């Protein structure tokens, strides 16, 4: 319960700062380690990187501590989660960011996330991982936890949690005309092409 309250408070701080400008220079680097213990392991995992706008993709982790995996939304980036990662680090929680092509299908992006989590787990002494997804990232994170699918997340000993913020589980109202058969016929299929151009690759693949 305490950890959930902390995550909720940290997410509130993060979302309140989303509209602000991001700092440049040294402050834009990796999050302040705060109270995180000093034991460190460096590792590189495809799809995971520090929560910053730097080009570095090497993670520095304490294997003794749980890890929060932050998943950005559409048109987002790892740097957007820097404030949240700072707040969590101050309270002794470590975070990494999952990056993906937000125009890929949910199946492809979630499979990439599942593989990244599978590679992250053996590094931790007691694998405890919380997936925190914002907006489209919430859809990706939840899809990664679905077991009845190809490329499902493996590892029965994993302690996994899911936290989503503003994830459109009920769909997006603005996209509802894309399934209208009358518009499809009236536009000779051009309506579908326009929808695909906006939404990205086929979400079912």
Foldseek 3Di string as FASTA:
>chain_A
DVVVVLLVVLVVVLVVCLPPDQDDDPVQDAADQAPADDAWDKDAFPQKAGQGPDPDRIDIDHLAAEEEEEEEAPPDDSPSCRSSQNSCSNVHYHYIYGDDHQQDALVVLLLSVLVRLVVVQVSHPQAEYEYEYEACRLSSPVVQCDPPDPSHRDDPSHNYHYHYHNYPPVDDPVLVCLPPVVVCVVVVNVSVVVSCVVRHDDNVD
